[in-house]
């Protein structure tokens, strides 16, 4: 393993970076739909912008309690700012875009032009 791929003990796993939101994108006859697991984030805390060809999603998953560094036994969950941009597979009607969160899943429904 090269020296460049080893992180120091003082660096966080995502230290100084922004996480990327995982998404599923699919089409129906009438809509382009995006789904993303987003547990711990409220819809009001997301910034979603849509053009007829691109969607941008930004938010932050905040840690509720302070954990003392060095007390973790495993740290696999991402906490902090995240974003995702995606080129849509079809032109959409931006003003009719709907976003909901149910059971920790963000669903964005965009009618096709």
C-alpha atoms as a PDB file:
ATOM      1  CA  UNK A   1       0.000   0.000   0.000  1.00  0.00           C
ATOM      2  CA  UNK A   2       1.469   3.374  -0.932  1.00  0.00           C
ATOM      3  CA  UNK A   3       2.049   6.057   1.682  1.00  0.00           C
ATOM      4  CA  UNK A   4      -0.559   8.327   0.000  1.00  0.00           C
ATOM      5  CA  UNK A   5      -3.419   5.893   0.665  1.00  0.00           C
ATOM      6  CA  UNK A   6      -2.802   5.671   4.427  1.00  0.00           C
ATOM      7  CA  UNK A   7      -4.553   8.276   6.550  1.00  0.00           C
ATOM      8  CA  UNK A   8      -3.102   9.512   9.808  1.00  0.00           C
ATOM      9  CA  UNK A   9      -4.750   8.710  13.138  1.00  0.00           C
ATOM     10  CA  UNK A  10      -5.819  12.358  13.509  1.00  0.00           C
ATOM     11  CA  UNK A  11      -7.747  12.502  10.232  1.00  0.00           C
ATOM     12  CA  UNK A  12     -11.439  11.656  10.193  1.00  0.00           C
ATOM     13  CA  UNK A  13     -12.666   9.179   7.616  1.00  0.00           C
ATOM     14  CA  UNK A  14     -14.208  11.992   5.526  1.00  0.00           C
ATOM     15  CA  UNK A  15     -12.053  14.744   6.991  1.00  0.00           C
ATOM     16  CA  UNK A  16     -12.467  18.021   5.109  1.00  0.00           C
ATOM     17  CA  UNK A  17     -14.702  16.564   2.433  1.00  0.00           C
ATOM     18  CA  UNK A  18     -18.352  16.434   1.538  1.00  0.00           C
ATOM     19  CA  UNK A  19     -20.149  13.108   1.288  1.00  0.00           C
ATOM     20  CA  UNK A  20     -21.939  12.015  -1.868  1.00  0.00           C
ATOM     21  CA  UNK A  21     -25.588  11.022  -1.579  1.00  0.00           C
ATOM     22  CA  UNK A  22     -26.365   7.579  -3.023  1.00  0.00           C
ATOM     23  CA  UNK A  23     -29.346   7.648  -5.407  1.00  0.00           C
ATOM     24  CA  UNK A  24     -31.488   5.441  -7.631  1.00  0.00           C
ATOM     25  CA  UNK A  25     -32.872   7.107 -10.770  1.00  0.00           C
ATOM     26  CA  UNK A  26     -35.540   5.598 -12.999  1.00  0.00           C
ATOM     27  CA  UNK A  27     -38.243   6.592 -15.468  1.00  0.00           C
ATOM     28  CA  UNK A  28     -41.890   5.794 -15.829  1.00  0.00           C
ATOM     29  CA  UNK A  29     -43.954   6.775 -18.844  1.00  0.00           C
ATOM     30  CA  UNK A  30     -44.719  10.159 -17.281  1.00  0.00           C
ATOM     31  CA  UNK A  31     -41.993  10.867 -14.691  1.00  0.00           C
ATOM     32  CA  UNK A  32     -38.324  10.757 -13.761  1.00  0.00           C
ATOM     33  CA  UNK A  33     -38.014   9.531 -10.175  1.00  0.00           C
ATOM     34  CA  UNK A  34     -35.086   9.696  -7.769  1.00  0.00           C
ATOM     35  CA  UNK A  35     -34.908   7.733  -4.510  1.00  0.00           C
ATOM     36  CA  UNK A  36     -32.228   8.143  -1.856  1.00  0.00           C
ATOM     37  CA  UNK A  37     -31.757   6.771   1.655  1.00  0.00           C
ATOM     38  CA  UNK A  38     -31.608   9.876   3.808  1.00  0.00           C
ATOM     39  CA  UNK A  39     -32.358   8.834   7.390  1.00  0.00           C
ATOM     40  CA  UNK A  40     -31.780  11.540   9.964  1.00  0.00           C
ATOM     41  CA  UNK A  41     -32.428  14.453   7.578  1.00  0.00           C
ATOM     42  CA  UNK A  42     -35.645  16.479   7.397  1.00  0.00           C
ATOM     43  CA  UNK A  43     -37.037  17.669   4.063  1.00  0.00           C
ATOM     44  CA  UNK A  44     -36.799  21.272   5.335  1.00  0.00           C
ATOM     45  CA  UNK A  45     -33.044  20.802   5.768  1.00  0.00           C
ATOM     46  CA  UNK A  46     -32.466  19.843   2.113  1.00  0.00           C
ATOM     47  CA  UNK A  47     -31.710  22.157  -0.771  1.00  0.00           C
ATOM     48  CA  UNK A  48     -33.048  20.666  -4.011  1.00  0.00           C
ATOM     49  CA  UNK A  49     -32.645  22.560  -7.274  1.00  0.00           C
ATOM     50  CA  UNK A  50     -33.833  21.261 -10.630  1.00  0.00           C
ATOM     51  CA  UNK A  51     -33.328  22.496 -14.162  1.00  0.00           C
ATOM     52  CA  UNK A  52     -34.920  20.667 -17.071  1.00  0.00           C
ATOM     53  CA  UNK A  53     -31.756  18.520 -17.348  1.00  0.00           C
ATOM     54  CA  UNK A  54     -29.907  18.507 -13.980  1.00  0.00           C
ATOM     55  CA  UNK A  55     -30.835  17.993 -10.321  1.00  0.00           C
ATOM     56  CA  UNK A  56     -28.724  19.130  -7.361  1.00  0.00           C
ATOM     57  CA  UNK A  57     -29.402  17.868  -3.838  1.00  0.00           C
ATOM     58  CA  UNK A  58     -27.552  19.289  -0.801  1.00  0.00           C
ATOM     59  CA  UNK A  59     -27.989  18.725   2.898  1.00  0.00           C
ATOM     60  CA  UNK A  60     -26.351  17.759   6.143  1.00  0.00           C
ATOM     61  CA  UNK A  61     -26.752  14.792   8.452  1.00  0.00           C
ATOM     62  CA  UNK A  62     -26.060  16.172  11.937  1.00  0.00           C
ATOM     63  CA  UNK A  63     -24.698  14.143  14.813  1.00  0.00           C
ATOM     64  CA  UNK A  64     -27.070  14.634  17.758  1.00  0.00           C
ATOM     65  CA  UNK A  65     -24.640  13.818  20.539  1.00  0.00           C
ATOM     66  CA  UNK A  66     -20.943  14.575  20.904  1.00  0.00           C
ATOM     67  CA  UNK A  67     -18.795  11.424  20.856  1.00  0.00           C
ATOM     68  CA  UNK A  68     -15.321  11.744  22.314  1.00  0.00           C
ATOM     69  CA  UNK A  69     -12.658  10.972  19.710  1.00  0.00           C
ATOM     70  CA  UNK A  70     -11.080   7.601  20.318  1.00  0.00           C
ATOM     71  CA  UNK A  71     -14.206   6.121  21.953  1.00  0.00           C
ATOM     72  CA  UNK A  72     -15.646   4.658  18.742  1.00  0.00           C
ATOM     73  CA  UNK A  73     -15.435   0.904  18.208  1.00  0.00           C
ATOM     74  CA  UNK A  74     -16.807   1.286  14.649  1.00  0.00           C
ATOM     75  CA  UNK A  75     -17.626   4.397  12.631  1.00  0.00           C
ATOM     76  CA  UNK A  76     -19.296   3.502   9.349  1.00  0.00           C
ATOM     77  CA  UNK A  77     -22.104   6.065   9.183  1.00  0.00           C
ATOM     78  CA  UNK A  78     -21.437   9.355   7.430  1.00  0.00           C
ATOM     79  CA  UNK A  79     -22.233  12.511   9.424  1.00  0.00           C
ATOM     80  CA  UNK A  80     -21.867  15.947   7.887  1.00  0.00           C
ATOM     81  CA  UNK A  81     -22.565  17.781   4.659  1.00  0.00           C
ATOM     82  CA  UNK A  82     -23.452  15.844   1.519  1.00  0.00           C
ATOM     83  CA  UNK A  83     -24.495  16.649  -2.020  1.00  0.00           C
ATOM     84  CA  UNK A  84     -25.292  15.043  -5.321  1.00  0.00           C
ATOM     85  CA  UNK A  85     -25.705  16.360  -8.865  1.00  0.00           C
ATOM     86  CA  UNK A  86     -27.127  14.197 -11.611  1.00  0.00           C
ATOM     87  CA  UNK A  87     -27.837  14.683 -15.315  1.00  0.00           C
ATOM     88  CA  UNK A  88     -31.465  13.700 -15.785  1.00  0.00           C
ATOM     89  CA  UNK A  89     -32.283  11.142 -18.518  1.00  0.00           C
ATOM     90  CA  UNK A  90     -35.147  13.307 -19.862  1.00  0.00           C
ATOM     91  CA  UNK A  91     -36.210  16.961 -19.731  1.00  0.00           C
ATOM     92  CA  UNK A  92     -38.577  17.625 -16.809  1.00  0.00           C
ATOM     93  CA  UNK A  93     -41.133  20.244 -15.774  1.00  0.00           C
ATOM     94  CA  UNK A  94     -39.234  21.845 -12.898  1.00  0.00           C
ATOM     95  CA  UNK A  95     -42.145  23.720 -11.327  1.00  0.00           C
ATOM     96  CA  UNK A  96     -44.107  20.464 -10.885  1.00  0.00           C
ATOM     97  CA  UNK A  97     -41.305  18.624  -9.048  1.00  0.00           C
ATOM     98  CA  UNK A  98     -42.430  17.004  -5.777  1.00  0.00           C
ATOM     99  CA  UNK A  99     -40.172  15.802  -2.951  1.00  0.00           C
ATOM    100  CA  UNK A 100     -41.212  13.672   0.026  1.00  0.00           C
ATOM    101  CA  UNK A 101     -39.486  11.674   2.744  1.00  0.00           C
ATOM    102  CA  UNK A 102     -41.090   8.523   4.102  1.00  0.00           C
ATOM    103  CA  UNK A 103     -39.400   5.955   6.329  1.00  0.00           C
ATOM    104  CA  UNK A 104     -36.001   7.596   5.744  1.00  0.00           C
ATOM    105  CA  UNK A 105     -36.257   7.491   1.928  1.00  0.00           C
ATOM    106  CA  UNK A 106     -36.243  10.701  -0.109  1.00  0.00           C
ATOM    107  CA  UNK A 107     -38.449  10.438  -3.215  1.00  0.00           C
ATOM    108  CA  UNK A 108     -38.278  13.166  -5.866  1.00  0.00           C
ATOM    109  CA  UNK A 109     -40.878  12.921  -8.643  1.00  0.00           C
ATOM    110  CA  UNK A 110     -40.367  15.083 -11.752  1.00  0.00           C
ATOM    111  CA  UNK A 111     -42.924  15.045 -14.584  1.00  0.00           C
ATOM    112  CA  UNK A 112     -41.370  14.733 -18.040  1.00  0.00           C
ATOM    113  CA  UNK A 113     -41.890  17.480 -20.612  1.00  0.00           C
END
